[in-house]
Amino acid sequence: MRACLTRNKALFPKCEGDPAAFKGSVAASKGAHILFSNVPPGDYALMVMHDENSNAKLDTMLGIPREGVGFSRNPRLRFGAPSYDAVVFTVPAGESSTVVKLQYFL
């Protein structure tokens, strides 16, 4: 599982070029948790993917994800990734958590 937490609307959802993004990965399992430390309070968007073949990218076939993908606020995915505004959420000061449900299409 790989995740990216970003404040940069222009680089969402990929956020590879965002030096301020928080990135993390863990072994895939039901109920997996990724912990980001020292996240300043503010508005963020979170993208999570089940990188089944460990190639550090979301594999697609004809534009349809071949691996599980999910976003903060758990929007229903249709054609393409949701907008930053559709998934943005506020991280308060102190500890916080959010649950992302992965969606599989193929």
C-alpha atoms as a PDB file:
ATOM      1  CA  MET A   1       0.000   0.000   0.000  1.00  0.00           C
ATOM      2  CA  ARG A   2       1.276   3.448  -0.879  1.00  0.00           C
ATOM      3  CA  ALA A   3      -0.155   6.768   0.209  1.00  0.00           C
ATOM      4  CA  CYS A   4       0.485  10.402  -0.512  1.00  0.00           C
ATOM      5  CA  LEU A   5      -0.828  13.320   1.560  1.00  0.00           C
ATOM      6  CA  THR A   6      -0.531  16.713  -0.121  1.00  0.00           C
ATOM      7  CA  ARG A   7      -1.640  20.310   0.226  1.00  0.00           C
ATOM      8  CA  ASN A   8      -0.640  21.106  -3.351  1.00  0.00           C
ATOM      9  CA  LYS A   9      -3.769  21.214  -5.485  1.00  0.00           C
ATOM     10  CA  ALA A  10      -1.742  21.465  -8.705  1.00  0.00           C
ATOM     11  CA  LEU A  11       0.150  18.214  -8.040  1.00  0.00           C
ATOM     12  CA  PHE A  12      -2.810  16.129  -6.861  1.00  0.00           C
ATOM     13  CA  PRO A  13      -3.380  13.188  -7.175  1.00  0.00           C
ATOM     14  CA  LYS A  14       0.123  12.059  -8.124  1.00  0.00           C
ATOM     15  CA  CYS A  15       2.133  14.481  -5.936  1.00  0.00           C
ATOM     16  CA  GLU A  16       5.507  12.976  -6.949  1.00  0.00           C
ATOM     17  CA  GLY A  17       6.879  16.455  -7.600  1.00  0.00           C
ATOM     18  CA  ASP A  18       5.665  17.878  -4.291  1.00  0.00           C
ATOM     19  CA  PRO A  19       8.647  18.140  -1.926  1.00  0.00           C
ATOM     20  CA  ALA A  20       6.291  18.988   0.958  1.00  0.00           C
ATOM     21  CA  ALA A  21       4.063  15.918   0.457  1.00  0.00           C
ATOM     22  CA  PHE A  22       3.927  13.196   3.083  1.00  0.00           C
ATOM     23  CA  LYS A  23       4.440   9.771   1.560  1.00  0.00           C
ATOM     24  CA  GLY A  24       4.308   6.361   3.131  1.00  0.00           C
ATOM     25  CA  SER A  25       3.992   2.681   2.392  1.00  0.00           C
ATOM     26  CA  VAL A  26       3.162  -0.483   4.299  1.00  0.00           C
ATOM     27  CA  ALA A  27       2.608  -4.126   3.427  1.00  0.00           C
ATOM     28  CA  ALA A  28      -0.909  -4.647   2.130  1.00  0.00           C
ATOM     29  CA  SER A  29      -3.319  -6.227   4.577  1.00  0.00           C
ATOM     30  CA  LYS A  30      -6.900  -5.759   5.650  1.00  0.00           C
ATOM     31  CA  GLY A  31      -6.992  -2.796   8.015  1.00  0.00           C
ATOM     32  CA  ALA A  32      -3.488  -1.591   7.069  1.00  0.00           C
ATOM     33  CA  HIS A  33      -2.424   1.685   8.688  1.00  0.00           C
ATOM     34  CA  ILE A  34      -0.023   4.310   7.363  1.00  0.00           C
ATOM     35  CA  LEU A  35       1.193   6.856   9.883  1.00  0.00           C
ATOM     36  CA  PHE A  36       2.349  10.330   8.891  1.00  0.00           C
ATOM     37  CA  SER A  37       4.285  12.163  11.607  1.00  0.00           C
ATOM     38  CA  ASN A  38       4.593  15.902  12.214  1.00  0.00           C
ATOM     39  CA  VAL A  39       1.841  16.915   9.782  1.00  0.00           C
ATOM     40  CA  PRO A  40       1.095  20.619  10.245  1.00  0.00           C
ATOM     41  CA  PRO A  41      -2.588  21.512  10.636  1.00  0.00           C
ATOM     42  CA  GLY A  42      -4.284  22.472   7.382  1.00  0.00           C
ATOM     43  CA  ASP A  43      -6.193  21.241   4.365  1.00  0.00           C
ATOM     44  CA  TYR A  44      -4.908  18.119   2.611  1.00  0.00           C
ATOM     45  CA  ALA A  45      -5.882  15.514   0.036  1.00  0.00           C
ATOM     46  CA  LEU A  46      -4.947  11.861   0.479  1.00  0.00           C
ATOM     47  CA  MET A  47      -4.504   9.248  -2.232  1.00  0.00           C
ATOM     48  CA  VAL A  48      -3.952   5.573  -1.378  1.00  0.00           C
ATOM     49  CA  MET A  49      -3.207   2.747  -3.787  1.00  0.00           C
ATOM     50  CA  HIS A  50      -2.678  -0.974  -3.500  1.00  0.00           C
ATOM     51  CA  ASP A  51       0.570  -1.289  -5.427  1.00  0.00           C
ATOM     52  CA  GLU A  52       0.186  -5.022  -6.040  1.00  0.00           C
ATOM     53  CA  ASN A  53       3.339  -5.383  -8.171  1.00  0.00           C
ATOM     54  CA  SER A  54       5.487  -2.896  -6.201  1.00  0.00           C
ATOM     55  CA  ASN A  55       6.314  -0.726  -9.204  1.00  0.00           C
ATOM     56  CA  ALA A  56       5.457   2.544  -7.379  1.00  0.00           C
ATOM     57  CA  LYS A  57       2.716   3.527  -9.820  1.00  0.00           C
ATOM     58  CA  LEU A  58      -0.979   2.893 -10.362  1.00  0.00           C
ATOM     59  CA  ASP A  59      -1.274   0.431 -13.237  1.00  0.00           C
ATOM     60  CA  THR A  60      -4.185   0.936 -15.609  1.00  0.00           C
ATOM     61  CA  MET A  61      -5.757  -0.745 -18.615  1.00  0.00           C
ATOM     62  CA  LEU A  62      -7.491   1.616 -21.026  1.00  0.00           C
ATOM     63  CA  GLY A  63      -7.454   4.225 -18.250  1.00  0.00           C
ATOM     64  CA  ILE A  64      -9.121   1.917 -15.712  1.00  0.00           C
ATOM     65  CA  PRO A  65      -7.106   1.159 -12.560  1.00  0.00           C
ATOM     66  CA  ARG A  66      -5.884  -2.448 -12.356  1.00  0.00           C
ATOM     67  CA  GLU A  67      -4.985  -1.969  -8.687  1.00  0.00           C
ATOM     68  CA  GLY A  68      -7.046  -0.713  -5.784  1.00  0.00           C
ATOM     69  CA  VAL A  69      -7.216   3.032  -5.318  1.00  0.00           C
ATOM     70  CA  GLY A  70      -8.901   5.323  -2.814  1.00  0.00           C
ATOM     71  CA  PHE A  71      -9.020   8.931  -1.693  1.00  0.00           C
ATOM     72  CA  SER A  72      -9.807  10.892   1.423  1.00  0.00           C
ATOM     73  CA  ARG A  73     -13.547  11.427   1.959  1.00  0.00           C
ATOM     74  CA  ASN A  74     -14.101   8.189  -0.050  1.00  0.00           C
ATOM     75  CA  PRO A  75     -15.717   9.652  -3.167  1.00  0.00           C
ATOM     76  CA  ARG A  76     -17.336   7.299  -5.626  1.00  0.00           C
ATOM     77  CA  LEU A  77     -14.915   6.987  -8.508  1.00  0.00           C
ATOM     78  CA  ARG A  78     -16.210   7.248 -12.038  1.00  0.00           C
ATOM     79  CA  PHE A  79     -13.995   8.448 -14.883  1.00  0.00           C
ATOM     80  CA  GLY A  80     -10.580   9.521 -13.669  1.00  0.00           C
ATOM     81  CA  ALA A  81      -9.390  10.715 -10.306  1.00  0.00           C
ATOM     82  CA  PRO A  82     -11.605  13.016  -8.248  1.00  0.00           C
ATOM     83  CA  SER A  83     -10.700  16.685  -7.970  1.00  0.00           C
ATOM     84  CA  TYR A  84      -8.675  18.014  -5.072  1.00  0.00           C
ATOM     85  CA  ASP A  85     -11.750  19.933  -3.891  1.00  0.00           C
ATOM     86  CA  ALA A  86     -13.791  16.708  -3.783  1.00  0.00           C
ATOM     87  CA  VAL A  87     -11.380  14.977  -1.412  1.00  0.00           C
ATOM     88  CA  VAL A  88      -9.837  17.793   0.630  1.00  0.00           C
ATOM     89  CA  PHE A  89     -10.136  17.447   4.401  1.00  0.00           C
ATOM     90  CA  THR A  90      -8.775  19.371   7.373  1.00  0.00           C
ATOM     91  CA  VAL A  91      -6.036  17.967   9.575  1.00  0.00           C
ATOM     92  CA  PRO A  92      -6.403  19.545  13.024  1.00  0.00           C
ATOM     93  CA  ALA A  93      -3.586  20.151  15.504  1.00  0.00           C
ATOM     94  CA  GLY A  94      -2.728  16.989  17.445  1.00  0.00           C
ATOM     95  CA  GLU A  95      -3.521  13.422  16.476  1.00  0.00           C
ATOM     96  CA  SER A  96      -6.068  12.699  13.778  1.00  0.00           C
ATOM     97  CA  SER A  97      -7.055   9.814  11.546  1.00  0.00           C
ATOM     98  CA  THR A  98      -9.067   9.144   8.434  1.00  0.00           C
ATOM     99  CA  VAL A  99     -10.271   5.926   6.814  1.00  0.00           C
ATOM    100  CA  VAL A 100      -9.879   5.357   3.072  1.00  0.00           C
ATOM    101  CA  LYS A 101     -11.765   2.553   1.360  1.00  0.00           C
ATOM    102  CA  LEU A 102     -10.020   1.178  -1.697  1.00  0.00           C
ATOM    103  CA  GLN A 103     -12.021   0.570  -4.846  1.00  0.00           C
ATOM    104  CA  TYR A 104     -11.128  -2.160  -7.339  1.00  0.00           C
ATOM    105  CA  PHE A 105     -12.330  -2.086 -10.938  1.00  0.00           C
ATOM    106  CA  LEU A 106     -10.587  -4.947 -12.798  1.00  0.00           C
END
